[in-house]
Amino acid sequence: MSFSAIGSFIILVADIYAIIQILKSPAKGVEKLVWSLVVFLLPLLGLVVWYFAGPGKKPF
């Protein structure tokens, strides 16, 4: 198994975790849909953006 395959698997698991957390969040339906699409369509970038600014996150 190559390093890129391992990295891809880790990102996939993290994205699935993020989408589950998004769906469990108290955000409204449309906000959940948008965040889920961002994480799904932009796997690594969407994950990072969700981590820092996703639903339920406090502003800096």
PDB file of N, CA and C in Angstrom:
ATOM      1  N   MET A   1       0.846  -1.178   0.000  1.00  0.00           N
ATOM      2  CA  MET A   1       0.000   0.000   0.000  1.00  0.00           C
ATOM      3  C   MET A   1       0.891   1.241   0.000  1.00  0.00           C
ATOM      4  N   SER A   2       0.611   2.152  -0.896  1.00  0.00           N
ATOM      5  CA  SER A   2       1.453   3.337  -1.020  1.00  0.00           C
ATOM      6  C   SER A   2       1.019   4.424  -0.033  1.00  0.00           C
ATOM      7  N   PHE A   3       1.902   5.406   0.121  1.00  0.00           N
ATOM      8  CA  PHE A   3       1.602   6.519   1.025  1.00  0.00           C
ATOM      9  C   PHE A   3       0.393   7.317   0.547  1.00  0.00           C
ATOM     10  N   SER A   4       0.238   7.462  -0.773  1.00  0.00           N
ATOM     11  CA  SER A   4      -0.907   8.224  -1.276  1.00  0.00           C
ATOM     12  C   SER A   4      -2.223   7.496  -0.988  1.00  0.00           C
ATOM     13  N   ALA A   5      -2.211   6.177  -1.039  1.00  0.00           N
ATOM     14  CA  ALA A   5      -3.421   5.415  -0.720  1.00  0.00           C
ATOM     15  C   ALA A   5      -3.768   5.550   0.760  1.00  0.00           C
ATOM     16  N   ILE A   6      -2.764   5.509   1.607  1.00  0.00           N
ATOM     17  CA  ILE A   6      -2.992   5.664   3.048  1.00  0.00           C
ATOM     18  C   ILE A   6      -3.514   7.070   3.345  1.00  0.00           C
ATOM     19  N   GLY A   7      -2.899   8.079   2.721  1.00  0.00           N
ATOM     20  CA  GLY A   7      -3.352   9.460   2.907  1.00  0.00           C
ATOM     21  C   GLY A   7      -4.779   9.658   2.423  1.00  0.00           C
ATOM     22  N   SER A   8      -5.109   9.075   1.279  1.00  0.00           N
ATOM     23  CA  SER A   8      -6.469   9.181   0.750  1.00  0.00           C
ATOM     24  C   SER A   8      -7.476   8.523   1.685  1.00  0.00           C
ATOM     25  N   PHE A   9      -7.103   7.382   2.247  1.00  0.00           N
ATOM     26  CA  PHE A   9      -7.988   6.691   3.184  1.00  0.00           C
ATOM     27  C   PHE A   9      -8.217   7.529   4.444  1.00  0.00           C
ATOM     28  N   ILE A  10      -7.164   8.144   4.946  1.00  0.00           N
ATOM     29  CA  ILE A  10      -7.283   8.985   6.141  1.00  0.00           C
ATOM     30  C   ILE A  10      -8.196  10.181   5.865  1.00  0.00           C
ATOM     31  N   ILE A  11      -8.039  10.801   4.705  1.00  0.00           N
ATOM     32  CA  ILE A  11      -8.893  11.936   4.337  1.00  0.00           C
ATOM     33  C   ILE A  11     -10.343  11.482   4.193  1.00  0.00           C
ATOM     34  N   LEU A  12     -10.559  10.311   3.604  1.00  0.00           N
ATOM     35  CA  LEU A  12     -11.914   9.783   3.456  1.00  0.00           C
ATOM     36  C   LEU A  12     -12.574   9.568   4.817  1.00  0.00           C
ATOM     37  N   VAL A  13     -11.850   8.964   5.736  1.00  0.00           N
ATOM     38  CA  VAL A  13     -12.388   8.729   7.080  1.00  0.00           C
ATOM     39  C   VAL A  13     -12.683  10.062   7.775  1.00  0.00           C
ATOM     40  N   ALA A  14     -11.783  11.021   7.651  1.00  0.00           N
ATOM     41  CA  ALA A  14     -11.988  12.337   8.270  1.00  0.00           C
ATOM     42  C   ALA A  14     -13.193  13.045   7.653  1.00  0.00           C
ATOM     43  N   ASP A  15     -13.372  12.921   6.339  1.00  0.00           N
ATOM     44  CA  ASP A  15     -14.523  13.543   5.682  1.00  0.00           C
ATOM     45  C   ASP A  15     -15.833  12.908   6.146  1.00  0.00           C
ATOM     46  N   ILE A  16     -15.849  11.598   6.274  1.00  0.00           N
ATOM     47  CA  ILE A  16     -17.051  10.918   6.763  1.00  0.00           C
ATOM     48  C   ILE A  16     -17.369  11.380   8.182  1.00  0.00           C
ATOM     49  N   TYR A  17     -16.349  11.480   9.018  1.00  0.00           N
ATOM     50  CA  TYR A  17     -16.538  11.973  10.388  1.00  0.00           C
ATOM     51  C   TYR A  17     -17.105  13.395  10.366  1.00  0.00           C
ATOM     52  N   ALA A  18     -16.542  14.259   9.514  1.00  0.00           N
ATOM     53  CA  ALA A  18     -17.002  15.650   9.437  1.00  0.00           C
ATOM     54  C   ALA A  18     -18.456  15.717   8.996  1.00  0.00           C
ATOM     55  N   ILE A  19     -18.831  14.930   8.006  1.00  0.00           N
ATOM     56  CA  ILE A  19     -20.212  14.955   7.523  1.00  0.00           C
ATOM     57  C   ILE A  19     -21.168  14.463   8.612  1.00  0.00           C
ATOM     58  N   ILE A  20     -20.780  13.446   9.353  1.00  0.00           N
ATOM     59  CA  ILE A  20     -21.616  12.974  10.462  1.00  0.00           C
ATOM     60  C   ILE A  20     -21.783  14.076  11.506  1.00  0.00           C
ATOM     61  N   GLN A  21     -20.687  14.773  11.831  1.00  0.00           N
ATOM     62  CA  GLN A  21     -20.761  15.861  12.810  1.00  0.00           C
ATOM     63  C   GLN A  21     -21.612  17.014  12.291  1.00  0.00           C
ATOM     64  N   ILE A  22     -21.532  17.286  10.999  1.00  0.00           N
ATOM     65  CA  ILE A  22     -22.358  18.342  10.401  1.00  0.00           C
ATOM     66  C   ILE A  22     -23.831  17.979  10.531  1.00  0.00           C
ATOM     67  N   LEU A  23     -24.172  16.740  10.221  1.00  0.00           N
ATOM     68  CA  LEU A  23     -25.568  16.317  10.283  1.00  0.00           C
ATOM     69  C   LEU A  23     -26.101  16.294  11.713  1.00  0.00           C
ATOM     70  N   LYS A  24     -25.244  16.088  12.685  1.00  0.00           N
ATOM     71  CA  LYS A  24     -25.650  16.083  14.095  1.00  0.00           C
ATOM     72  C   LYS A  24     -25.674  17.488  14.701  1.00  0.00           C
ATOM     73  N   SER A  25     -25.144  18.476  14.003  1.00  0.00           N
ATOM     74  CA  SER A  25     -25.052  19.833  14.543  1.00  0.00           C
ATOM     75  C   SER A  25     -26.435  20.482  14.619  1.00  0.00           C
ATOM     76  N   PRO A  26     -26.564  21.538  15.427  1.00  0.00           N
ATOM     77  CA  PRO A  26     -27.854  22.225  15.551  1.00  0.00           C
ATOM     78  C   PRO A  26     -28.143  23.199  14.398  1.00  0.00           C
ATOM     79  N   ALA A  27     -27.325  23.199  13.372  1.00  0.00           N
ATOM     80  CA  ALA A  27     -27.504  24.118  12.244  1.00  0.00           C
ATOM     81  C   ALA A  27     -28.806  23.805  11.502  1.00  0.00           C
ATOM     82  N   LYS A  28     -29.275  24.772  10.742  1.00  0.00           N
ATOM     83  CA  LYS A  28     -30.491  24.604   9.944  1.00  0.00           C
ATOM     84  C   LYS A  28     -30.221  23.657   8.774  1.00  0.00           C
ATOM     85  N   GLY A  29     -31.272  23.186   8.128  1.00  0.00           N
ATOM     86  CA  GLY A  29     -31.168  22.215   7.046  1.00  0.00           C
ATOM     87  C   GLY A  29     -30.311  22.664   5.874  1.00  0.00           C
ATOM     88  N   VAL A  30     -30.516  23.891   5.407  1.00  0.00           N
ATOM     89  CA  VAL A  30     -29.755  24.383   4.259  1.00  0.00           C
ATOM     90  C   VAL A  30     -28.277  24.521   4.612  1.00  0.00           C
ATOM     91  N   GLU A  31     -27.998  25.004   5.810  1.00  0.00           N
ATOM     92  CA  GLU A  31     -26.608  25.154   6.244  1.00  0.00           C
ATOM     93  C   GLU A  31     -25.921  23.791   6.315  1.00  0.00           C
ATOM     94  N   LYS A  32     -26.619  22.789   6.807  1.00  0.00           N
ATOM     95  CA  LYS A  32     -26.063  21.431   6.854  1.00  0.00           C
ATOM     96  C   LYS A  32     -25.773  20.923   5.449  1.00  0.00           C
ATOM     97  N   LEU A  33     -26.704  21.172   4.533  1.00  0.00           N
ATOM     98  CA  LEU A  33     -26.525  20.727   3.154  1.00  0.00           C
ATOM     99  C   LEU A  33     -25.309  21.386   2.519  1.00  0.00           C
ATOM    100  N   VAL A  34     -25.180  22.694   2.696  1.00  0.00           N
ATOM    101  CA  VAL A  34     -24.052  23.421   2.103  1.00  0.00           C
ATOM    102  C   VAL A  34     -22.726  22.919   2.667  1.00  0.00           C
ATOM    103  N   TRP A  35     -22.632  22.780   3.996  1.00  0.00           N
ATOM    104  CA  TRP A  35     -21.389  22.297   4.594  1.00  0.00           C
ATOM    105  C   TRP A  35     -21.070  20.873   4.151  1.00  0.00           C
ATOM    106  N   SER A  36     -22.084  20.033   4.065  1.00  0.00           N
ATOM    107  CA  SER A  36     -21.858  18.657   3.614  1.00  0.00           C
ATOM    108  C   SER A  36     -21.339  18.636   2.183  1.00  0.00           C
ATOM    109  N   LEU A  37     -21.899  19.474   1.325  1.00  0.00           N
ATOM    110  CA  LEU A  37     -21.431  19.545  -0.063  1.00  0.00           C
ATOM    111  C   LEU A  37     -20.008  20.076  -0.151  1.00  0.00           C
ATOM    112  N   VAL A  38     -19.681  21.072   0.658  1.00  0.00           N
ATOM    113  CA  VAL A  38     -18.316  21.613   0.654  1.00  0.00           C
ATOM    114  C   VAL A  38     -17.320  20.523   1.042  1.00  0.00           C
ATOM    115  N   VAL A  39     -17.612  19.787   2.097  1.00  0.00           N
ATOM    116  CA  VAL A  39     -16.702  18.729   2.551  1.00  0.00           C
ATOM    117  C   VAL A  39     -16.641  17.608   1.523  1.00  0.00           C
ATOM    118  N   PHE A  40     -17.778  17.269   0.910  1.00  0.00           N
ATOM    119  CA  PHE A  40     -17.823  16.175  -0.060  1.00  0.00           C
ATOM    120  C   PHE A  40     -17.126  16.534  -1.367  1.00  0.00           C
ATOM    121  N   LEU A  41     -17.354  17.748  -1.865  1.00  0.00           N
ATOM    122  CA  LEU A  41     -16.810  18.141  -3.168  1.00  0.00           C
ATOM    123  C   LEU A  41     -15.359  18.616  -3.106  1.00  0.00           C
ATOM    124  N   LEU A  42     -14.930  19.128  -1.971  1.00  0.00           N
ATOM    125  CA  LEU A  42     -13.552  19.586  -1.786  1.00  0.00           C
ATOM    126  C   LEU A  42     -12.973  18.854  -0.572  1.00  0.00           C
ATOM    127  N   PRO A  43     -12.633  17.581  -0.712  1.00  0.00           N
ATOM    128  CA  PRO A  43     -12.322  16.751   0.457  1.00  0.00           C
ATOM    129  C   PRO A  43     -11.319  17.345   1.442  1.00  0.00           C
ATOM    130  N   LEU A  44     -10.141  17.694   1.033  1.00  0.00           N
ATOM    131  CA  LEU A  44      -9.146  18.182   1.987  1.00  0.00           C
ATOM    132  C   LEU A  44      -9.413  19.634   2.371  1.00  0.00           C
ATOM    133  N   LEU A  45      -9.618  20.481   1.394  1.00  0.00           N
ATOM    134  CA  LEU A  45      -9.874  21.900   1.665  1.00  0.00           C
ATOM    135  C   LEU A  45     -11.177  22.081   2.442  1.00  0.00           C
ATOM    136  N   GLY A  46     -12.219  21.375   2.041  1.00  0.00           N
ATOM    137  CA  GLY A  46     -13.494  21.470   2.735  1.00  0.00           C
ATOM    138  C   GLY A  46     -13.398  21.026   4.176  1.00  0.00           C
ATOM    139  N   LEU A  47     -12.599  20.001   4.425  1.00  0.00           N
ATOM    140  CA  LEU A  47     -12.400  19.512   5.788  1.00  0.00           C
ATOM    141  C   LEU A  47     -11.722  20.563   6.659  1.00  0.00           C
ATOM    142  N   VAL A  48     -10.699  21.202   6.121  1.00  0.00           N
ATOM    143  CA  VAL A  48      -9.969  22.227   6.874  1.00  0.00           C
ATOM    144  C   VAL A  48     -10.876  23.433   7.147  1.00  0.00           C
ATOM    145  N   VAL A  49     -11.602  23.870   6.132  1.00  0.00           N
ATOM    146  CA  VAL A  49     -12.499  25.016   6.304  1.00  0.00           C
ATOM    147  C   VAL A  49     -13.591  24.676   7.317  1.00  0.00           C
ATOM    148  N   TRP A  50     -14.161  23.476   7.225  1.00  0.00           N
ATOM    149  CA  TRP A  50     -15.190  23.068   8.190  1.00  0.00           C
ATOM    150  C   TRP A  50     -14.630  23.046   9.608  1.00  0.00           C
ATOM    151  N   TYR A  51     -13.426  22.557   9.772  1.00  0.00           N
ATOM    152  CA  TYR A  51     -12.829  22.458  11.105  1.00  0.00           C
ATOM    153  C   TYR A  51     -12.738  23.830  11.777  1.00  0.00           C
ATOM    154  N   PHE A  52     -12.369  24.853  10.995  1.00  0.00           N
ATOM    155  CA  PHE A  52     -12.184  26.184  11.573  1.00  0.00           C
ATOM    156  C   PHE A  52     -13.449  27.049  11.565  1.00  0.00           C
ATOM    157  N   ALA A  53     -14.378  26.807  10.634  1.00  0.00           N
ATOM    158  CA  ALA A  53     -15.514  27.723  10.498  1.00  0.00           C
ATOM    159  C   ALA A  53     -16.858  27.027  10.359  1.00  0.00           C
ATOM    160  N   GLY A  54     -16.920  25.741  10.575  1.00  0.00           N
ATOM    161  CA  GLY A  54     -18.153  24.985  10.372  1.00  0.00           C
ATOM    162  C   GLY A  54     -19.265  25.361  11.330  1.00  0.00           C
ATOM    163  N   PRO A  55     -20.438  24.740  11.132  1.00  0.00           N
ATOM    164  CA  PRO A  55     -21.575  25.054  11.994  1.00  0.00           C
ATOM    165  C   PRO A  55     -21.269  24.711  13.444  1.00  0.00           C
ATOM    166  N   GLY A  56     -21.645  25.604  14.325  1.00  0.00           N
ATOM    167  CA  GLY A  56     -21.407  25.389  15.747  1.00  0.00           C
ATOM    168  C   GLY A  56     -20.057  25.888  16.224  1.00  0.00           C
ATOM    169  N   LYS A  57     -19.230  26.394  15.325  1.00  0.00           N
ATOM    170  CA  LYS A  57     -17.918  26.919  15.718  1.00  0.00           C
ATOM    171  C   LYS A  57     -18.077  28.356  16.171  1.00  0.00           C
ATOM    172  N   LYS A  58     -17.354  28.717  17.200  1.00  0.00           N
ATOM    173  CA  LYS A  58     -17.388  30.092  17.691  1.00  0.00           C
ATOM    174  C   LYS A  58     -16.439  30.949  16.856  1.00  0.00           C
ATOM    175  N   PRO A  59     -16.840  32.182  16.531  1.00  0.00           N
ATOM    176  CA  PRO A  59     -15.937  33.063  15.788  1.00  0.00           C
ATOM    177  C   PRO A  59     -14.711  33.417  16.625  1.00  0.00           C
ATOM    178  N   PHE A  60     -13.625  33.682  15.950  1.00  0.00           N
ATOM    179  CA  PHE A  60     -12.367  34.000  16.644  1.00  0.00           C
ATOM    180  C   PHE A  60     -12.442  35.333  17.333  1.00  0.00           C
TER     181      PHE A  60
END
